[in-house]
C-alpha atoms as a PDB file:
ATOM      1  CA  MET A   1      33.826 168.182  26.236  1.00  0.00           C
ATOM      2  CA  ALA A   2      31.839 171.428  26.553  1.00  0.00           C
ATOM      3  CA  ASP A   3      29.008 169.479  28.209  1.00  0.00           C
ATOM      4  CA  LEU A   4      31.417 168.197  30.844  1.00  0.00           C
ATOM      5  CA  MET A   5      32.639 171.723  31.564  1.00  0.00           C
ATOM      6  CA  ALA A   6      29.067 172.998  31.914  1.00  0.00           C
ATOM      7  CA  ALA A   7      28.025 170.233  34.310  1.00  0.00           C
ATOM      8  CA  SER A   8      27.146 171.451  37.754  1.00  0.00           C
ATOM      9  CA  ARG A   9      28.948 170.101  40.777  1.00  0.00           C
ATOM     10  CA  LYS A  10      26.981 167.331  42.496  1.00  0.00           C
ATOM     11  CA  SER A  11      27.233 166.918  46.233  1.00  0.00           C
ATOM     12  CA  VAL A  12      28.444 163.552  47.456  1.00  0.00           C
ATOM     13  CA  LEU A  13      25.693 163.909  50.083  1.00  0.00           C
ATOM     14  CA  GLU A  14      22.912 164.746  47.602  1.00  0.00           C
ATOM     15  CA  GLY A  15      19.653 163.355  48.980  1.00  0.00           C
ATOM     16  CA  ALA A  16      21.104 162.642  52.432  1.00  0.00           C
ATOM     17  CA  HIS A  17      18.668 163.204  55.295  1.00  0.00           C
ATOM     18  CA  GLY A  18      19.362 163.194  58.998  1.00  0.00           C
ATOM     19  CA  GLY A  19      18.588 164.782  62.280  1.00  0.00           C
ATOM     20  CA  SER A  20      16.073 164.577  65.065  1.00  0.00           C
ATOM     21  CA  THR A  21      13.541 166.739  66.859  1.00  0.00           C
ATOM     22  CA  VAL A  22      16.374 169.003  68.116  1.00  0.00           C
ATOM     23  CA  VAL A  23      18.894 168.893  65.245  1.00  0.00           C
ATOM     24  CA  ARG A  24      18.760 169.240  61.462  1.00  0.00           C
ATOM     25  CA  LEU A  25      21.522 167.876  59.244  1.00  0.00           C
ATOM     26  CA  THR A  26      21.635 169.356  55.762  1.00  0.00           C
ATOM     27  CA  PRO A  27      24.203 168.918  53.011  1.00  0.00           C
ATOM     28  CA  ALA A  28      25.449 172.424  52.182  1.00  0.00           C
ATOM     29  CA  VAL A  29      24.959 173.740  48.677  1.00  0.00           C
ATOM     30  CA  PRO A  30      27.919 173.198  46.339  1.00  0.00           C
ATOM     31  CA  ALA A  31      30.494 175.952  46.655  1.00  0.00           C
ATOM     32  CA  GLU A  32      33.749 177.221  45.232  1.00  0.00           C
ATOM     33  CA  ARG A  33      36.584 176.895  47.753  1.00  0.00           C
ATOM     34  CA  ILE A  34      40.234 177.807  47.868  1.00  0.00           C
ATOM     35  CA  SER A  35      42.960 177.024  50.317  1.00  0.00           C
ATOM     36  CA  LEU A  36      44.882 180.293  50.544  1.00  0.00           C
ATOM     37  CA  ARG A  37      48.356 180.927  51.959  1.00  0.00           C
ATOM     38  CA  ALA A  38      49.945 184.376  52.109  1.00  0.00           C
ATOM     39  CA  GLY A  39      52.156 186.545  54.247  1.00  0.00           C
ATOM     40  CA  ALA A  40      50.924 189.497  56.273  1.00  0.00           C
ATOM     41  CA  ASP A  41      52.063 191.912  53.533  1.00  0.00           C
ATOM     42  CA  ALA A  42      49.631 190.310  51.032  1.00  0.00           C
ATOM     43  CA  VAL A  43      46.498 190.311  53.203  1.00  0.00           C
ATOM     44  CA  ALA A  44      45.229 193.747  52.154  1.00  0.00           C
ATOM     45  CA  GLY A  45      45.668 193.085  48.434  1.00  0.00           C
ATOM     46  CA  LEU A  46      44.015 189.665  48.612  1.00  0.00           C
ATOM     47  CA  SER A  47      41.183 191.016  50.757  1.00  0.00           C
ATOM     48  CA  LYS A  48      40.475 193.710  48.186  1.00  0.00           C
ATOM     49  CA  ALA A  49      40.630 191.278  45.269  1.00  0.00           C
ATOM     50  CA  LEU A  50      38.373 188.726  46.985  1.00  0.00           C
ATOM     51  CA  GLY A  51      35.890 191.295  48.270  1.00  0.00           C
ATOM     52  CA  VAL A  52      36.096 189.965  51.822  1.00  0.00           C
ATOM     53  CA  LYS A  53      38.552 191.041  54.510  1.00  0.00           C
ATOM     54  CA  LEU A  54      40.791 188.123  55.400  1.00  0.00           C
ATOM     55  CA  PRO A  55      40.708 187.722  59.190  1.00  0.00           C
ATOM     56  CA  VAL A  56      44.073 187.879  60.927  1.00  0.00           C
ATOM     57  CA  LYS A  57      43.099 186.774  64.446  1.00  0.00           C
ATOM     58  CA  PRO A  58      42.929 183.129  65.513  1.00  0.00           C
ATOM     59  CA  LYS A  59      39.537 181.416  65.471  1.00  0.00           C
ATOM     60  CA  THR A  60      37.853 184.195  63.430  1.00  0.00           C
ATOM     61  CA  SER A  61      36.016 184.581  60.142  1.00  0.00           C
ATOM     62  CA  ALA A  62      34.669 187.276  57.862  1.00  0.00           C
ATOM     63  CA  SER A  63      31.787 187.345  55.386  1.00  0.00           C
ATOM     64  CA  ALA A  64      30.859 189.667  52.543  1.00  0.00           C
ATOM     65  CA  LYS A  65      28.913 189.380  49.288  1.00  0.00           C
ATOM     66  CA  GLY A  66      28.317 185.638  49.585  1.00  0.00           C
ATOM     67  CA  ARG A  67      31.925 184.842  50.465  1.00  0.00           C
ATOM     68  CA  ARG A  68      33.371 183.568  53.714  1.00  0.00           C
ATOM     69  CA  ALA A  69      37.008 183.720  54.758  1.00  0.00           C
ATOM     70  CA  LEU A  70      37.894 181.343  57.596  1.00  0.00           C
ATOM     71  CA  TRP A  71      41.156 181.826  59.519  1.00  0.00           C
ATOM     72  CA  LEU A  72      43.064 178.527  59.776  1.00  0.00           C
ATOM     73  CA  GLY A  73      46.508 179.761  60.740  1.00  0.00           C
ATOM     74  CA  PRO A  74      48.755 182.839  60.793  1.00  0.00           C
ATOM     75  CA  ASP A  75      49.102 182.693  56.995  1.00  0.00           C
ATOM     76  CA  GLU A  76      46.279 180.338  55.974  1.00  0.00           C
ATOM     77  CA  TRP A  77      42.579 180.688  55.135  1.00  0.00           C
ATOM     78  CA  LEU A  78      39.764 178.653  53.645  1.00  0.00           C
ATOM     79  CA  VAL A  79      37.724 180.918  51.376  1.00  0.00           C
ATOM     80  CA  ILE A  80      34.225 179.752  50.390  1.00  0.00           C
ATOM     81  CA  ASP A  81      31.930 181.214  47.726  1.00  0.00           C
ATOM     82  CA  GLU A  82      28.444 179.684  47.354  1.00  0.00           C
ATOM     83  CA  GLN A  83      27.442 182.068  44.566  1.00  0.00           C
ATOM     84  CA  GLY A  84      29.709 180.710  41.839  1.00  0.00           C
ATOM     85  CA  GLY A  85      32.416 183.360  41.960  1.00  0.00           C
ATOM     86  CA  ASP A  86      35.833 182.586  40.518  1.00  0.00           C
ATOM     87  CA  LEU A  87      38.066 182.715  43.577  1.00  0.00           C
ATOM     88  CA  MET A  88      41.207 181.666  41.715  1.00  0.00           C
ATOM     89  CA  ALA A  89      40.784 184.489  39.179  1.00  0.00           C
ATOM     90  CA  ALA A  90      40.214 186.990  41.971  1.00  0.00           C
ATOM     91  CA  CYS A  91      43.430 185.909  43.684  1.00  0.00           C
ATOM     92  CA  ALA A  92      45.354 186.078  40.418  1.00  0.00           C
ATOM     93  CA  GLU A  93      44.293 189.702  40.033  1.00  0.00           C
ATOM     94  CA  ALA A  94      45.498 190.635  43.532  1.00  0.00           C
ATOM     95  CA  GLY A  95      49.046 191.373  42.356  1.00  0.00           C
ATOM     96  CA  VAL A  96      50.600 190.034  45.573  1.00  0.00           C
ATOM     97  CA  VAL A  97      52.624 186.940  46.420  1.00  0.00           C
ATOM     98  CA  HIS A  98      50.380 184.105  47.607  1.00  0.00           C
ATOM     99  CA  ALA A  99      49.555 180.443  47.054  1.00  0.00           C
ATOM    100  CA  ALA A 100      45.967 179.533  46.203  1.00  0.00           C
ATOM    101  CA  THR A 101      44.698 176.032  45.523  1.00  0.00           C
ATOM    102  CA  ASP A 102      41.188 175.265  44.302  1.00  0.00           C
ATOM    103  CA  VAL A 103      39.766 172.676  46.726  1.00  0.00           C
ATOM    104  CA  SER A 104      36.176 172.892  45.477  1.00  0.00           C
ATOM    105  CA  ASN A 105      36.115 169.261  44.405  1.00  0.00           C
ATOM    106  CA  ARG A 106      37.981 168.040  47.481  1.00  0.00           C
ATOM    107  CA  ASN A 107      35.686 169.517  50.129  1.00  0.00           C
ATOM    108  CA  THR A 108      32.007 169.415  50.959  1.00  0.00           C
ATOM    109  CA  ALA A 109      30.060 170.675  53.949  1.00  0.00           C
ATOM    110  CA  ILE A 110      27.304 169.642  56.325  1.00  0.00           C
ATOM    111  CA  VAL A 111      25.136 172.205  58.099  1.00  0.00           C
ATOM    112  CA  VAL A 112      24.224 171.180  61.656  1.00  0.00           C
ATOM    113  CA  SER A 113      21.471 173.343  63.127  1.00  0.00           C
ATOM    114  CA  GLY A 114      18.983 173.450  65.967  1.00  0.00           C
ATOM    115  CA  PRO A 115      19.058 173.607  69.759  1.00  0.00           C
ATOM    116  CA  GLY A 116      20.871 170.251  69.956  1.00  0.00           C
ATOM    117  CA  ALA A 117      23.633 171.158  67.479  1.00  0.00           C
ATOM    118  CA  GLU A 118      26.353 171.603  70.124  1.00  0.00           C
ATOM    119  CA  ASN A 119      25.605 168.236  71.755  1.00  0.00           C
ATOM    120  CA  THR A 120      25.453 166.536  68.372  1.00  0.00           C
ATOM    121  CA  LEU A 121      28.868 167.860  67.367  1.00  0.00           C
ATOM    122  CA  ASN A 122      30.376 167.090  70.770  1.00  0.00           C
ATOM    123  CA  ALA A 123      29.625 163.411  70.226  1.00  0.00           C
ATOM    124  CA  GLY A 124      32.690 163.388  67.980  1.00  0.00           C
ATOM    125  CA  CYS A 125      34.404 166.759  68.464  1.00  0.00           C
ATOM    126  CA  PRO A 126      36.390 167.533  71.648  1.00  0.00           C
ATOM    127  CA  LEU A 127      36.053 171.349  71.497  1.00  0.00           C
ATOM    128  CA  ASP A 128      34.066 173.358  74.007  1.00  0.00           C
ATOM    129  CA  LEU A 129      31.328 174.690  71.709  1.00  0.00           C
ATOM    130  CA  SER A 130      29.589 176.895  74.264  1.00  0.00           C
ATOM    131  CA  LEU A 131      28.835 180.408  73.016  1.00  0.00           C
ATOM    132  CA  ALA A 132      31.256 181.879  75.563  1.00  0.00           C
ATOM    133  CA  ILE A 133      34.197 179.850  74.205  1.00  0.00           C
ATOM    134  CA  PHE A 134      33.140 179.302  70.568  1.00  0.00           C
ATOM    135  CA  PRO A 135      31.074 182.406  69.656  1.00  0.00           C
ATOM    136  CA  VAL A 136      29.230 183.145  66.424  1.00  0.00           C
ATOM    137  CA  GLY A 137      31.823 183.482  63.654  1.00  0.00           C
ATOM    138  CA  ALA A 138      34.368 181.237  65.389  1.00  0.00           C
ATOM    139  CA  VAL A 139      36.379 178.797  63.279  1.00  0.00           C
ATOM    140  CA  ALA A 140      38.616 175.887  64.204  1.00  0.00           C
ATOM    141  CA  ARG A 141      40.421 173.105  62.422  1.00  0.00           C
ATOM    142  CA  THR A 142      39.644 170.101  64.596  1.00  0.00           C
ATOM    143  CA  VAL A 143      38.499 166.483  64.494  1.00  0.00           C
ATOM    144  CA  LEU A 144      35.119 164.822  64.242  1.00  0.00           C
ATOM    145  CA  GLY A 145      35.461 161.193  65.183  1.00  0.00           C
ATOM    146  CA  LYS A 146      38.429 160.014  63.120  1.00  0.00           C
ATOM    147  CA  ILE A 147      38.522 162.774  60.519  1.00  0.00           C
ATOM    148  CA  GLU A 148      39.866 166.312  60.249  1.00  0.00           C
ATOM    149  CA  ILE A 149      37.259 169.036  59.763  1.00  0.00           C
ATOM    150  CA  VAL A 150      37.001 172.796  59.706  1.00  0.00           C
ATOM    151  CA  LEU A 151      34.197 173.856  62.043  1.00  0.00           C
ATOM    152  CA  TYR A 152      32.533 177.241  61.606  1.00  0.00           C
ATOM    153  CA  ARG A 153      29.803 178.637  63.861  1.00  0.00           C
ATOM    154  CA  VAL A 154      27.314 180.399  61.588  1.00  0.00           C
ATOM    155  CA  ASP A 155      24.910 181.533  64.327  1.00  0.00           C
ATOM    156  CA  GLU A 156      23.920 180.535  67.872  1.00  0.00           C
ATOM    157  CA  GLU A 157      22.408 177.203  66.783  1.00  0.00           C
ATOM    158  CA  THR A 158      24.063 176.583  63.403  1.00  0.00           C
ATOM    159  CA  PHE A 159      27.455 175.140  62.504  1.00  0.00           C
ATOM    160  CA  ARG A 160      29.098 174.368  59.180  1.00  0.00           C
ATOM    161  CA  VAL A 161      31.256 171.244  59.089  1.00  0.00           C
ATOM    162  CA  GLU A 162      33.746 171.357  56.195  1.00  0.00           C
ATOM    163  CA  CYS A 163      35.309 167.990  55.383  1.00  0.00           C
ATOM    164  CA  TRP A 164      36.893 166.124  52.515  1.00  0.00           C
ATOM    165  CA  ARG A 165      34.341 164.544  50.153  1.00  0.00           C
ATOM    166  CA  SER A 166      35.852 161.103  50.761  1.00  0.00           C
ATOM    167  CA  PHE A 167      34.931 161.399  54.462  1.00  0.00           C
ATOM    168  CA  ALA A 168      31.523 163.051  53.996  1.00  0.00           C
ATOM    169  CA  GLU A 169      29.404 159.913  54.354  1.00  0.00           C
ATOM    170  CA  TYR A 170      31.274 158.962  57.520  1.00  0.00           C
ATOM    171  CA  ALA A 171      30.800 162.465  58.964  1.00  0.00           C
ATOM    172  CA  PHE A 172      27.111 162.555  58.049  1.00  0.00           C
ATOM    173  CA  GLY A 173      26.534 159.099  59.545  1.00  0.00           C
ATOM    174  CA  LEU A 174      28.301 160.014  62.786  1.00  0.00           C
ATOM    175  CA  LEU A 175      26.310 163.240  63.047  1.00  0.00           C
ATOM    176  CA  ALA A 176      23.005 161.492  62.222  1.00  0.00           C
ATOM    177  CA  GLU A 177      23.554 158.985  65.029  1.00  0.00           C
ATOM    178  CA  ALA A 178      24.607 161.751  67.428  1.00  0.00           C
ATOM    179  CA  ALA A 179      21.531 163.810  66.485  1.00  0.00           C
ATOM    180  CA  GLU A 180      19.284 160.935  67.554  1.00  0.00           C
ATOM    181  CA  ASP A 181      21.162 160.703  70.861  1.00  0.00           C
ATOM    182  CA  ALA A 182      20.846 164.485  71.362  1.00  0.00           C
ATOM    183  CA  ALA A 183      17.071 164.156  71.142  1.00  0.00           C
ATOM    184  CA  ALA A 184      16.930 161.375  73.735  1.00  0.00           C
END
């Protein structure tokens, strides 16, 4: 049993390769994730406990010490930690009313980067991803083809596509095909 507990999380996309001359598709490293719900009165306490200020404006994010907090709604965030931090324990220590669910095994992510990243994503995502409309740090819950995703703009040419593990191969395949089209 101890061996099972010590096993590292394996990405459903481990070994997946995709992209083109203008786009790179990379499975993101495994991460801890929580779906967090809380009222406005709990934001400060949770922010302090998590070590990252929870954003309170639509379409925004915040990062600190290897953690990202992505705004999904007026009282909802996706918090990601790629450095192995215990997000659930941090929330428990906040001392404020909230609901936190560990979704680390439900979600995975694909990093889409390069000068053709916007065009690649727009093959299946209806959002305007221009820098003027979707700037660095922007976040949106949207669709990619037939699946729901959380899209986060990491920098000018890099996006993080968060999706459920069960849809990861579909998302990667759609993006791989779109990346080839973006290079044409």
